[in-house]
C-alpha atoms as a PDB file:
ATOM      1  CA  MET A   1     108.908 116.352  44.459  1.00  0.00           C
ATOM      2  CA  ARG A   2     109.945 112.857  43.493  1.00  0.00           C
ATOM      3  CA  GLU A   3     109.118 111.980  39.932  1.00  0.00           C
ATOM      4  CA  ASN A   4     108.902 108.233  39.775  1.00  0.00           C
ATOM      5  CA  ARG A   5     106.290 105.823  38.662  1.00  0.00           C
ATOM      6  CA  ASN A   6     106.691 103.196  41.364  1.00  0.00           C
ATOM      7  CA  ILE A   7     103.602 101.842  43.066  1.00  0.00           C
ATOM      8  CA  LEU A   8     103.667  99.657  46.159  1.00  0.00           C
ATOM      9  CA  ILE A   9     100.673  97.385  46.763  1.00  0.00           C
ATOM     10  CA  ILE A  10     100.276  96.141  50.337  1.00  0.00           C
ATOM     11  CA  SER A  11      97.742  93.342  50.677  1.00  0.00           C
ATOM     12  CA  ASN A  12      97.525  89.971  52.331  1.00  0.00           C
ATOM     13  CA  ARG A  13      94.818  88.983  49.815  1.00  0.00           C
ATOM     14  CA  PRO A  14      96.571  87.344  46.832  1.00  0.00           C
ATOM     15  CA  LEU A  15      93.684  87.778  44.391  1.00  0.00           C
ATOM     16  CA  LEU A  16      93.265  91.471  45.177  1.00  0.00           C
ATOM     17  CA  ARG A  17      97.024  92.010  45.061  1.00  0.00           C
ATOM     18  CA  GLU A  18      97.402  90.424  41.636  1.00  0.00           C
ATOM     19  CA  GLY A  19      94.237  92.035  40.261  1.00  0.00           C
ATOM     20  CA  VAL A  20      95.319  95.529  41.242  1.00  0.00           C
ATOM     21  CA  LYS A  21      98.785  94.849  39.836  1.00  0.00           C
ATOM     22  CA  LEU A  22      97.302  93.863  36.471  1.00  0.00           C
ATOM     23  CA  ILE A  23      95.145  97.004  36.362  1.00  0.00           C
ATOM     24  CA  ILE A  24      97.989  99.354  37.259  1.00  0.00           C
ATOM     25  CA  LYS A  25     100.759  97.883  35.130  1.00  0.00           C
ATOM     26  CA  ASP A  26      98.716  98.691  32.010  1.00  0.00           C
ATOM     27  CA  ILE A  27      99.300 102.393  32.694  1.00  0.00           C
ATOM     28  CA  THR A  28     103.097 101.954  32.651  1.00  0.00           C
ATOM     29  CA  PHE A  29     103.870 102.022  36.330  1.00  0.00           C
ATOM     30  CA  THR A  30     106.420  99.802  38.010  1.00  0.00           C
ATOM     31  CA  VAL A  31     104.397  97.749  40.462  1.00  0.00           C
ATOM     32  CA  VAL A  32     105.840  96.089  43.555  1.00  0.00           C
ATOM     33  CA  ILE A  33     103.639  93.909  45.735  1.00  0.00           C
ATOM     34  CA  VAL A  34     104.038  93.092  49.402  1.00  0.00           C
ATOM     35  CA  SER A  35     101.962  90.475  51.180  1.00  0.00           C
ATOM     36  CA  ASN A  36     102.102  92.065  54.611  1.00  0.00           C
ATOM     37  CA  GLU A  37     102.870  95.335  56.323  1.00  0.00           C
ATOM     38  CA  LEU A  38     105.838  93.930  58.225  1.00  0.00           C
ATOM     39  CA  SER A  39     108.066  94.196  55.160  1.00  0.00           C
ATOM     40  CA  GLU A  40     106.648  97.476  53.801  1.00  0.00           C
ATOM     41  CA  SER A  41     109.338  99.777  55.231  1.00  0.00           C
ATOM     42  CA  ARG A  42     112.083  97.871  53.408  1.00  0.00           C
ATOM     43  CA  PHE A  43     110.261  98.238  50.094  1.00  0.00           C
ATOM     44  CA  ILE A  44     109.453 101.890  50.750  1.00  0.00           C
ATOM     45  CA  SER A  45     113.109 102.722  51.311  1.00  0.00           C
ATOM     46  CA  GLU A  46     114.212 100.636  48.319  1.00  0.00           C
ATOM     47  CA  TYR A  47     111.645 101.794  45.730  1.00  0.00           C
ATOM     48  CA  SER A  48     110.441 105.192  47.084  1.00  0.00           C
ATOM     49  CA  PRO A  49     106.962 104.660  45.675  1.00  0.00           C
ATOM     50  CA  SER A  50     104.954 107.693  44.607  1.00  0.00           C
ATOM     51  CA  VAL A  51     101.724 105.774  45.255  1.00  0.00           C
ATOM     52  CA  ILE A  52     100.934 103.103  47.833  1.00  0.00           C
ATOM     53  CA  VAL A  53      97.784 100.986  47.516  1.00  0.00           C
ATOM     54  CA  VAL A  54      96.565  99.298  50.697  1.00  0.00           C
ATOM     55  CA  ASP A  55      93.514  97.117  51.199  1.00  0.00           C
ATOM     56  CA  ARG A  56      91.480  97.146  54.396  1.00  0.00           C
ATOM     57  CA  PRO A  57      88.120  95.739  55.483  1.00  0.00           C
ATOM     58  CA  ASN A  58      86.729  99.267  55.197  1.00  0.00           C
ATOM     59  CA  THR A  59      87.951 102.778  54.568  1.00  0.00           C
ATOM     60  CA  LYS A  60      86.739 104.124  57.930  1.00  0.00           C
ATOM     61  CA  ASP A  61      89.232 102.211  60.086  1.00  0.00           C
ATOM     62  CA  VAL A  62      92.372 103.375  58.319  1.00  0.00           C
ATOM     63  CA  LYS A  63      95.455 104.091  60.415  1.00  0.00           C
ATOM     64  CA  LEU A  64      98.391 105.334  58.387  1.00  0.00           C
ATOM     65  CA  ASP A  65     100.630 106.611  61.204  1.00  0.00           C
ATOM     66  CA  ARG A  66     103.027 103.680  61.029  1.00  0.00           C
ATOM     67  CA  LEU A  67     103.185 103.863  57.258  1.00  0.00           C
ATOM     68  CA  PHE A  68     103.834 107.616  57.170  1.00  0.00           C
ATOM     69  CA  ARG A  69     106.594 107.338  59.787  1.00  0.00           C
ATOM     70  CA  SER A  70     108.831 105.661  57.227  1.00  0.00           C
ATOM     71  CA  ILE A  71     108.130 108.217  54.462  1.00  0.00           C
ATOM     72  CA  ASP A  72     109.585 111.723  54.346  1.00  0.00           C
ATOM     73  CA  TYR A  73     108.595 112.691  50.798  1.00  0.00           C
ATOM     74  CA  PRO A  74     105.297 113.435  49.011  1.00  0.00           C
ATOM     75  CA  VAL A  75     103.240 110.299  48.487  1.00  0.00           C
ATOM     76  CA  LYS A  76      99.665 109.323  47.729  1.00  0.00           C
ATOM     77  CA  VAL A  77      98.071 106.438  49.643  1.00  0.00           C
ATOM     78  CA  VAL A  78      95.007 104.770  48.141  1.00  0.00           C
ATOM     79  CA  VAL A  79      93.011 102.586  50.531  1.00  0.00           C
ATOM     80  CA  ILE A  80      90.618 100.043  49.035  1.00  0.00           C
ATOM     81  CA  GLY A  81      87.874  98.892  51.398  1.00  0.00           C
ATOM     82  CA  TRP A  82      86.601  95.462  50.448  1.00  0.00           C
ATOM     83  CA  ASP A  83      83.614  95.459  52.862  1.00  0.00           C
ATOM     84  CA  ASP A  84      82.408  99.025  52.269  1.00  0.00           C
ATOM     85  CA  ASP A  85      83.278  98.990  48.546  1.00  0.00           C
ATOM     86  CA  LYS A  86      84.966 102.413  48.697  1.00  0.00           C
ATOM     87  CA  ILE A  87      88.309 103.988  47.916  1.00  0.00           C
ATOM     88  CA  ALA A  88      89.897 106.593  50.194  1.00  0.00           C
ATOM     89  CA  ILE A  89      92.780 108.721  48.976  1.00  0.00           C
ATOM     90  CA  PHE A  90      95.291 110.298  51.346  1.00  0.00           C
ATOM     91  CA  SER A  91      98.105 112.571  50.265  1.00  0.00           C
ATOM     92  CA  ARG A  92     101.189 113.492  52.157  1.00  0.00           C
ATOM     93  CA  THR A  93     102.948 116.523  50.829  1.00  0.00           C
ATOM     94  CA  ALA A  94     106.525 117.441  51.555  1.00  0.00           C
ATOM     95  CA  LEU A  95     107.228 117.900  55.221  1.00  0.00           C
ATOM     96  CA  GLY A  96     107.652 121.532  56.182  1.00  0.00           C
ATOM     97  CA  LYS A  97     108.936 123.463  59.137  1.00  0.00           C
ATOM     98  CA  ALA A  98     106.396 124.092  61.891  1.00  0.00           C
ATOM     99  CA  THR A  99     106.043 127.863  61.571  1.00  0.00           C
ATOM    100  CA  ARG A 100     103.097 130.206  61.951  1.00  0.00           C
ATOM    101  CA  GLU A 101     103.214 131.008  58.229  1.00  0.00           C
ATOM    102  CA  ASN A 102     103.241 127.355  57.185  1.00  0.00           C
ATOM    103  CA  LEU A 103     100.325 126.596  59.503  1.00  0.00           C
ATOM    104  CA  ILE A 104      98.246 129.428  58.040  1.00  0.00           C
ATOM    105  CA  GLU A 105      99.128 128.341  54.509  1.00  0.00           C
ATOM    106  CA  ALA A 106      98.147 124.732  55.246  1.00  0.00           C
ATOM    107  CA  ILE A 107      94.800 125.774  56.738  1.00  0.00           C
ATOM    108  CA  THR A 108      93.852 128.266  54.041  1.00  0.00           C
ATOM    109  CA  GLU A 109      95.346 126.523  51.002  1.00  0.00           C
ATOM    110  CA  ASN A 110      92.034 125.387  49.484  1.00  0.00           C
ATOM    111  CA  PHE A 111      89.910 128.322  50.634  1.00  0.00           C
ATOM    112  CA  TYR A 112      91.239 131.050  48.348  1.00  0.00           C
END
């Protein structure tokens, strides 16, 4: 697992972007901000963030497929919904081989 303290903030809302940056930098993370998702893949490959913060109108309409396509390591994505006033947290663990054993482990991991 990557051990870094880089956080990428993706937001086209300047006030939210700067506010989240101020909150996070106090806990000794390196914070990089991006104003739009078009340039996110460049920053992901350059900084390999361990956490990505994204803002959306609400947490129900989150589509992370495009974002996860450019990441092949464990990462946590925090989505802030400004209309529904919620936070959704998504984690992507290390990619594994598609085997029967790995499927069973993934399904039963939190049940035992």
